[in-house]
Amino acid sequence: MTFAPLLEAAPAIPLHAFAAMAAFVLGLVQFAAPKGTLPHRTVGWIWVALMLVVAVSSFWINTIRLAGPFSPIHLLSILTLVVLPIAVWRARTHRVADHRRMMIMLFAGALLIAGVFTLLPGRIMHHVIFGA
C-alpha cells in the first residue's frame, strides 16, 4: 500500500480522498459511541464538515466524463449536499429517527458504496491499495 498515486494526483483528489477516509473512520466511531452526548455532537459536526468537503471537492474531479465534465457520481454529491443539512436539521428538531436514517443513508451511499467504486482497476485508490 502506498499513498504515492494519491499524492501525485491533482489537488482536489487527495483532498477528497483524505476527507472521505476521515469521514469513514469518524462515521464508524459515531455508530459505536453513545448518542446524544456532547462528544457525539462534536464528532458529528466534524463529520458533517468532512462530508461537505467530500461532496464539494468531487466537482473538481472529472476523470470520468459522461455528461460534459460530470459523471453519475456527481449526482450523489448533489444528493449529499441536499440531505446533509436536512439530516442536521432533523437532529436539531429532535426528530432522531429521521436523523439516524439519513445519516446511515449518507454513510452507506456516499462513503461505502461510492468508496467501493474507487477500488475498481484503473482508479487511483485501486493503485493506492493494491499497487500498480
N, C-alpha and C. Protein backbone atom coordinates (compact mmCIF):
# COMPACT_ATOMS: atom_id res chain seq x y z
N MET A 1 0.84 -1.17 0.00
CA MET A 1 0.00 0.00 0.00
C MET A 1 0.89 1.24 0.00
N THR A 2 0.59 2.16 -0.92
CA THR A 2 1.35 3.40 -1.00
C THR A 2 0.42 4.55 -1.34
N PHE A 3 0.63 5.68 -0.68
CA PHE A 3 -0.18 6.86 -0.96
C PHE A 3 0.40 7.68 -2.12
N ALA A 4 1.49 7.24 -2.72
CA ALA A 4 2.14 7.99 -3.79
C ALA A 4 1.19 8.34 -4.93
N PRO A 5 0.40 7.39 -5.47
CA PRO A 5 -0.50 7.77 -6.58
C PRO A 5 -1.51 8.85 -6.16
N LEU A 6 -1.93 8.81 -4.93
CA LEU A 6 -2.89 9.79 -4.43
C LEU A 6 -2.23 11.16 -4.27
N LEU A 7 -1.03 11.17 -3.74
CA LEU A 7 -0.33 12.42 -3.51
C LEU A 7 0.16 13.06 -4.80
N GLU A 8 0.31 12.27 -5.86
CA GLU A 8 0.75 12.80 -7.15
C GLU A 8 -0.42 13.29 -8.01
N ALA A 9 -1.64 13.06 -7.57
CA ALA A 9 -2.82 13.45 -8.33
C ALA A 9 -3.10 14.94 -8.17
N ALA A 10 -4.03 15.44 -8.98
CA ALA A 10 -4.46 16.83 -8.88
C ALA A 10 -4.93 17.11 -7.45
N PRO A 11 -4.74 18.33 -6.94
CA PRO A 11 -5.02 18.65 -5.53
C PRO A 11 -6.41 18.27 -5.03
N ALA A 12 -7.42 18.35 -5.86
CA ALA A 12 -8.78 18.02 -5.41
C ALA A 12 -8.91 16.55 -5.04
N ILE A 13 -8.13 15.70 -5.69
CA ILE A 13 -8.27 14.25 -5.46
C ILE A 13 -7.78 13.83 -4.07
N PRO A 14 -6.56 14.22 -3.64
CA PRO A 14 -6.18 13.85 -2.28
C PRO A 14 -7.04 14.53 -1.21
N LEU A 15 -7.45 15.78 -1.45
CA LEU A 15 -8.35 16.45 -0.51
C LEU A 15 -9.63 15.63 -0.35
N HIS A 16 -10.21 15.25 -1.46
CA HIS A 16 -11.43 14.45 -1.48
C HIS A 16 -11.23 13.10 -0.79
N ALA A 17 -10.16 12.42 -1.13
CA ALA A 17 -9.91 11.08 -0.61
C ALA A 17 -9.61 11.09 0.90
N PHE A 18 -8.77 12.01 1.34
CA PHE A 18 -8.44 12.04 2.77
C PHE A 18 -9.63 12.49 3.60
N ALA A 19 -10.44 13.40 3.08
CA ALA A 19 -11.67 13.80 3.79
C ALA A 19 -12.62 12.61 3.87
N ALA A 20 -12.73 11.85 2.78
CA ALA A 20 -13.62 10.68 2.78
C ALA A 20 -13.12 9.61 3.75
N MET A 21 -11.81 9.39 3.79
CA MET A 21 -11.26 8.39 4.72
C MET A 21 -11.49 8.82 6.17
N ALA A 22 -11.29 10.09 6.45
CA ALA A 22 -11.52 10.59 7.81
C ALA A 22 -13.00 10.49 8.17
N ALA A 23 -13.87 10.83 7.22
CA ALA A 23 -15.32 10.73 7.46
C ALA A 23 -15.73 9.28 7.69
N PHE A 24 -15.11 8.37 6.98
CA PHE A 24 -15.42 6.95 7.15
C PHE A 24 -15.07 6.51 8.58
N VAL A 25 -13.87 6.85 9.03
CA VAL A 25 -13.43 6.46 10.38
C VAL A 25 -14.32 7.11 11.44
N LEU A 26 -14.57 8.41 11.30
CA LEU A 26 -15.42 9.09 12.28
C LEU A 26 -16.85 8.56 12.25
N GLY A 27 -17.31 8.16 11.07
CA GLY A 27 -18.64 7.56 10.98
C GLY A 27 -18.72 6.27 11.76
N LEU A 28 -17.69 5.45 11.68
CA LEU A 28 -17.66 4.22 12.47
C LEU A 28 -17.66 4.52 13.95
N VAL A 29 -16.90 5.55 14.34
CA VAL A 29 -16.88 5.97 15.74
C VAL A 29 -18.28 6.39 16.17
N GLN A 30 -18.95 7.15 15.33
CA GLN A 30 -20.30 7.63 15.65
C GLN A 30 -21.27 6.47 15.84
N PHE A 31 -21.16 5.47 15.00
CA PHE A 31 -22.07 4.32 15.13
C PHE A 31 -21.86 3.59 16.44
N ALA A 32 -20.61 3.53 16.92
CA ALA A 32 -20.29 2.77 18.12
C ALA A 32 -20.49 3.57 19.40
N ALA A 33 -20.40 4.88 19.33
CA ALA A 33 -20.42 5.72 20.53
C ALA A 33 -21.86 6.01 21.00
N PRO A 34 -22.00 6.39 22.25
CA PRO A 34 -23.32 6.77 22.76
C PRO A 34 -23.87 7.98 22.01
N LYS A 35 -25.17 7.98 21.78
CA LYS A 35 -25.80 9.05 21.01
C LYS A 35 -26.30 10.15 21.93
N GLY A 36 -26.41 11.36 21.36
CA GLY A 36 -26.98 12.48 22.09
C GLY A 36 -26.04 13.16 23.07
N THR A 37 -24.82 12.69 23.16
CA THR A 37 -23.85 13.25 24.09
C THR A 37 -23.09 14.39 23.43
N LEU A 38 -22.39 15.18 24.22
CA LEU A 38 -21.56 16.25 23.67
C LEU A 38 -20.50 15.70 22.71
N PRO A 39 -19.80 14.61 23.06
CA PRO A 39 -18.84 14.05 22.08
C PRO A 39 -19.52 13.63 20.77
N HIS A 40 -20.72 13.05 20.86
CA HIS A 40 -21.43 12.66 19.65
C HIS A 40 -21.73 13.88 18.79
N ARG A 41 -22.19 14.94 19.40
CA ARG A 41 -22.50 16.16 18.64
C ARG A 41 -21.23 16.78 18.06
N THR A 42 -20.15 16.79 18.84
CA THR A 42 -18.90 17.38 18.37
C THR A 42 -18.33 16.60 17.19
N VAL A 43 -18.22 15.29 17.36
CA VAL A 43 -17.72 14.45 16.26
C VAL A 43 -18.68 14.53 15.07
N GLY A 44 -19.96 14.63 15.35
CA GLY A 44 -20.95 14.76 14.27
C GLY A 44 -20.74 16.00 13.44
N TRP A 45 -20.47 17.14 14.08
CA TRP A 45 -20.21 18.37 13.32
C TRP A 45 -18.94 18.25 12.49
N ILE A 46 -17.93 17.60 13.04
CA ILE A 46 -16.70 17.37 12.26
C ILE A 46 -17.02 16.48 11.06
N TRP A 47 -17.83 15.44 11.28
CA TRP A 47 -18.22 14.53 10.19
C TRP A 47 -18.98 15.29 9.12
N VAL A 48 -19.89 16.15 9.52
CA VAL A 48 -20.66 16.96 8.56
C VAL A 48 -19.71 17.83 7.74
N ALA A 49 -18.76 18.47 8.40
CA ALA A 49 -17.79 19.30 7.67
C ALA A 49 -16.97 18.47 6.69
N LEU A 50 -16.54 17.30 7.11
CA LEU A 50 -15.79 16.42 6.21
C LEU A 50 -16.63 15.99 5.02
N MET A 51 -17.90 15.67 5.27
CA MET A 51 -18.78 15.27 4.16
C MET A 51 -19.02 16.42 3.20
N LEU A 52 -19.07 17.64 3.69
CA LEU A 52 -19.18 18.80 2.81
C LEU A 52 -17.94 18.92 1.94
N VAL A 53 -16.77 18.71 2.54
CA VAL A 53 -15.52 18.73 1.76
C VAL A 53 -15.53 17.63 0.71
N VAL A 54 -15.97 16.44 1.08
CA VAL A 54 -16.03 15.31 0.14
C VAL A 54 -16.96 15.66 -1.03
N ALA A 55 -18.15 16.14 -0.72
CA ALA A 55 -19.13 16.42 -1.77
C ALA A 55 -18.68 17.57 -2.67
N VAL A 56 -18.25 18.67 -2.08
CA VAL A 56 -17.86 19.84 -2.88
C VAL A 56 -16.61 19.56 -3.70
N SER A 57 -15.62 18.91 -3.11
CA SER A 57 -14.38 18.63 -3.84
C SER A 57 -14.61 17.71 -5.03
N SER A 58 -15.65 16.90 -4.98
CA SER A 58 -15.91 15.97 -6.09
C SER A 58 -16.17 16.69 -7.41
N PHE A 59 -16.66 17.92 -7.34
CA PHE A 59 -16.96 18.66 -8.57
C PHE A 59 -15.70 19.09 -9.31
N TRP A 60 -14.54 18.98 -8.68
CA TRP A 60 -13.26 19.26 -9.35
C TRP A 60 -12.56 17.98 -9.76
N ILE A 61 -13.23 16.86 -9.61
CA ILE A 61 -12.68 15.57 -10.05
C ILE A 61 -13.49 15.13 -11.26
N ASN A 62 -12.86 15.15 -12.40
CA ASN A 62 -13.57 14.89 -13.65
C ASN A 62 -12.88 13.84 -14.49
N THR A 63 -12.36 12.79 -13.84
CA THR A 63 -11.66 11.75 -14.59
C THR A 63 -12.62 10.88 -15.39
N ILE A 64 -13.85 10.75 -14.92
CA ILE A 64 -14.88 10.03 -15.68
C ILE A 64 -15.87 11.08 -16.17
N ARG A 65 -16.00 11.22 -17.48
CA ARG A 65 -16.87 12.24 -18.06
C ARG A 65 -17.95 11.58 -18.90
N LEU A 66 -19.18 11.71 -18.45
CA LEU A 66 -20.30 11.16 -19.21
C LEU A 66 -21.27 12.24 -19.68
N ALA A 67 -21.32 13.36 -18.95
CA ALA A 67 -22.19 14.49 -19.31
C ALA A 67 -21.37 15.76 -19.12
N GLY A 68 -20.67 16.15 -20.16
CA GLY A 68 -19.74 17.26 -20.02
C GLY A 68 -18.62 16.83 -19.09
N PRO A 69 -18.30 17.64 -18.10
CA PRO A 69 -17.23 17.26 -17.17
C PRO A 69 -17.72 16.37 -16.02
N PHE A 70 -18.98 15.97 -16.05
CA PHE A 70 -19.56 15.26 -14.92
C PHE A 70 -19.87 13.80 -15.22
N SER A 71 -20.02 13.04 -14.13
CA SER A 71 -20.40 11.64 -14.21
C SER A 71 -21.57 11.41 -13.26
N PRO A 72 -22.18 10.24 -13.30
CA PRO A 72 -23.30 9.97 -12.39
C PRO A 72 -22.93 10.10 -10.91
N ILE A 73 -21.68 9.93 -10.56
CA ILE A 73 -21.27 10.05 -9.16
C ILE A 73 -21.51 11.47 -8.65
N HIS A 74 -21.50 12.45 -9.55
CA HIS A 74 -21.76 13.82 -9.14
C HIS A 74 -23.20 14.01 -8.67
N LEU A 75 -24.10 13.15 -9.13
CA LEU A 75 -25.48 13.19 -8.62
C LEU A 75 -25.49 12.82 -7.14
N LEU A 76 -24.63 11.90 -6.75
CA LEU A 76 -24.52 11.54 -5.34
C LEU A 76 -24.00 12.72 -4.53
N SER A 77 -23.11 13.49 -5.10
CA SER A 77 -22.60 14.67 -4.41
C SER A 77 -23.70 15.69 -4.20
N ILE A 78 -24.52 15.89 -5.21
CA ILE A 78 -25.65 16.81 -5.09
C ILE A 78 -26.62 16.30 -4.02
N LEU A 79 -26.92 15.00 -4.07
CA LEU A 79 -27.80 14.41 -3.07
C LEU A 79 -27.24 14.61 -1.66
N THR A 80 -25.94 14.43 -1.49
CA THR A 80 -25.29 14.63 -0.20
C THR A 80 -25.46 16.07 0.27
N LEU A 81 -25.25 17.02 -0.64
CA LEU A 81 -25.38 18.43 -0.28
C LEU A 81 -26.82 18.81 0.08
N VAL A 82 -27.79 18.06 -0.43
CA VAL A 82 -29.19 18.31 -0.10
C VAL A 82 -29.56 17.62 1.22
N VAL A 83 -29.18 16.36 1.36
CA VAL A 83 -29.61 15.56 2.51
C VAL A 83 -28.87 15.96 3.79
N LEU A 84 -27.61 16.32 3.69
CA LEU A 84 -26.82 16.62 4.88
C LEU A 84 -27.44 17.71 5.76
N PRO A 85 -27.80 18.87 5.22
CA PRO A 85 -28.41 19.88 6.10
C PRO A 85 -29.78 19.46 6.63
N ILE A 86 -30.52 18.68 5.85
CA ILE A 86 -31.81 18.19 6.33
C ILE A 86 -31.60 17.25 7.51
N ALA A 87 -30.61 16.38 7.40
CA ALA A 87 -30.32 15.44 8.48
C ALA A 87 -29.90 16.17 9.75
N VAL A 88 -29.10 17.22 9.60
CA VAL A 88 -28.70 18.03 10.76
C VAL A 88 -29.94 18.70 11.36
N TRP A 89 -30.78 19.24 10.51
CA TRP A 89 -31.99 19.90 11.00
C TRP A 89 -32.89 18.91 11.75
N ARG A 90 -32.96 17.69 11.26
CA ARG A 90 -33.76 16.68 11.95
C ARG A 90 -33.23 16.44 13.37
N ALA A 91 -31.93 16.42 13.53
CA ALA A 91 -31.36 16.24 14.86
C ALA A 91 -31.66 17.46 15.74
N ARG A 92 -31.51 18.63 15.17
CA ARG A 92 -31.74 19.87 15.93
C ARG A 92 -33.19 20.01 16.38
N THR A 93 -34.11 19.42 15.60
CA THR A 93 -35.53 19.49 15.95
C THR A 93 -36.01 18.21 16.64
N HIS A 94 -35.05 17.42 17.11
CA HIS A 94 -35.32 16.21 17.90
C HIS A 94 -36.10 15.14 17.14
N ARG A 95 -35.94 15.11 15.84
CA ARG A 95 -36.53 14.03 15.04
C ARG A 95 -35.43 13.01 14.80
N VAL A 96 -35.09 12.31 15.87
CA VAL A 96 -33.91 11.46 15.92
C VAL A 96 -33.99 10.29 14.94
N ALA A 97 -35.14 9.68 14.79
CA ALA A 97 -35.25 8.54 13.86
C ALA A 97 -34.96 8.98 12.43
N ASP A 98 -35.48 10.14 12.03
CA ASP A 98 -35.20 10.67 10.68
C ASP A 98 -33.71 10.98 10.54
N HIS A 99 -33.15 11.62 11.57
CA HIS A 99 -31.73 11.96 11.56
C HIS A 99 -30.88 10.70 11.39
N ARG A 100 -31.18 9.69 12.19
CA ARG A 100 -30.42 8.43 12.14
C ARG A 100 -30.50 7.80 10.76
N ARG A 101 -31.71 7.72 10.22
CA ARG A 101 -31.91 7.10 8.90
C ARG A 101 -31.13 7.85 7.81
N MET A 102 -31.19 9.17 7.84
CA MET A 102 -30.49 9.97 6.82
C MET A 102 -28.98 9.85 6.94
N MET A 103 -28.48 9.85 8.17
CA MET A 103 -27.03 9.74 8.36
C MET A 103 -26.52 8.36 7.95
N ILE A 104 -27.29 7.34 8.26
CA ILE A 104 -26.90 5.99 7.83
C ILE A 104 -26.93 5.92 6.30
N MET A 105 -27.94 6.52 5.68
CA MET A 105 -28.02 6.53 4.22
C MET A 105 -26.81 7.24 3.61
N LEU A 106 -26.44 8.39 4.18
CA LEU A 106 -25.28 9.12 3.68
C LEU A 106 -24.00 8.31 3.85
N PHE A 107 -23.84 7.71 5.02
CA PHE A 107 -22.64 6.90 5.26
C PHE A 107 -22.57 5.75 4.26
N ALA A 108 -23.67 5.03 4.12
CA ALA A 108 -23.69 3.86 3.23
C ALA A 108 -23.51 4.27 1.77
N GLY A 109 -24.25 5.26 1.33
CA GLY A 109 -24.21 5.63 -0.09
C GLY A 109 -22.99 6.42 -0.48
N ALA A 110 -22.71 7.48 0.28
CA ALA A 110 -21.64 8.39 -0.12
C ALA A 110 -20.26 7.90 0.28
N LEU A 111 -20.17 7.05 1.30
CA LEU A 111 -18.85 6.57 1.70
C LEU A 111 -18.63 5.10 1.35
N LEU A 112 -19.52 4.22 1.73
CA LEU A 112 -19.31 2.79 1.46
C LEU A 112 -19.45 2.45 -0.01
N ILE A 113 -20.63 2.71 -0.58
CA ILE A 113 -20.87 2.31 -1.97
C ILE A 113 -19.97 3.07 -2.92
N ALA A 114 -19.90 4.39 -2.77
CA ALA A 114 -19.03 5.18 -3.64
C ALA A 114 -17.57 4.77 -3.44
N GLY A 115 -17.20 4.46 -2.19
CA GLY A 115 -15.84 4.04 -1.90
C GLY A 115 -15.46 2.74 -2.59
N VAL A 116 -16.40 1.82 -2.68
CA VAL A 116 -16.14 0.55 -3.37
C VAL A 116 -15.81 0.81 -4.84
N PHE A 117 -16.52 1.75 -5.45
CA PHE A 117 -16.26 2.05 -6.86
C PHE A 117 -14.88 2.67 -7.08
N THR A 118 -14.31 3.30 -6.06
CA THR A 118 -12.96 3.86 -6.23
C THR A 118 -11.90 2.77 -6.25
N LEU A 119 -12.29 1.54 -5.87
CA LEU A 119 -11.32 0.45 -5.84
C LEU A 119 -11.28 -0.34 -7.15
N LEU A 120 -12.07 0.09 -8.15
CA LEU A 120 -12.05 -0.59 -9.44
C LEU A 120 -10.69 -0.44 -10.11
N PRO A 121 -10.25 -1.44 -10.86
CA PRO A 121 -8.96 -1.33 -11.56
C PRO A 121 -8.90 -0.08 -12.43
N GLY A 122 -7.75 0.57 -12.40
CA GLY A 122 -7.54 1.79 -13.17
C GLY A 122 -7.79 3.06 -12.38
N ARG A 123 -8.48 2.95 -11.23
CA ARG A 123 -8.74 4.12 -10.40
C ARG A 123 -7.56 4.35 -9.45
N ILE A 124 -7.39 5.56 -9.00
CA ILE A 124 -6.25 5.91 -8.14
C ILE A 124 -6.26 5.09 -6.84
N MET A 125 -7.42 4.96 -6.21
CA MET A 125 -7.46 4.23 -4.94
C MET A 125 -7.15 2.74 -5.12
N HIS A 126 -7.43 2.22 -6.30
CA HIS A 126 -7.02 0.83 -6.59
C HIS A 126 -5.49 0.73 -6.54
N HIS A 127 -4.82 1.72 -7.14
CA HIS A 127 -3.36 1.74 -7.13
C HIS A 127 -2.82 1.96 -5.71
N VAL A 128 -3.52 2.76 -4.92
CA VAL A 128 -3.09 3.01 -3.54
C VAL A 128 -3.15 1.72 -2.73
N ILE A 129 -4.26 1.02 -2.83
CA ILE A 129 -4.48 -0.18 -2.00
C ILE A 129 -3.75 -1.40 -2.54
N PHE A 130 -3.85 -1.63 -3.85
CA PHE A 130 -3.35 -2.87 -4.44
C PHE A 130 -2.05 -2.73 -5.22
N GLY A 131 -1.55 -1.52 -5.40
CA GLY A 131 -0.34 -1.29 -6.19
C GLY A 131 -0.68 -1.18 -7.66
N ALA A 132 0.35 -0.94 -8.45
CA ALA A 132 0.16 -0.69 -9.90
C ALA A 132 -0.23 -1.92 -10.66
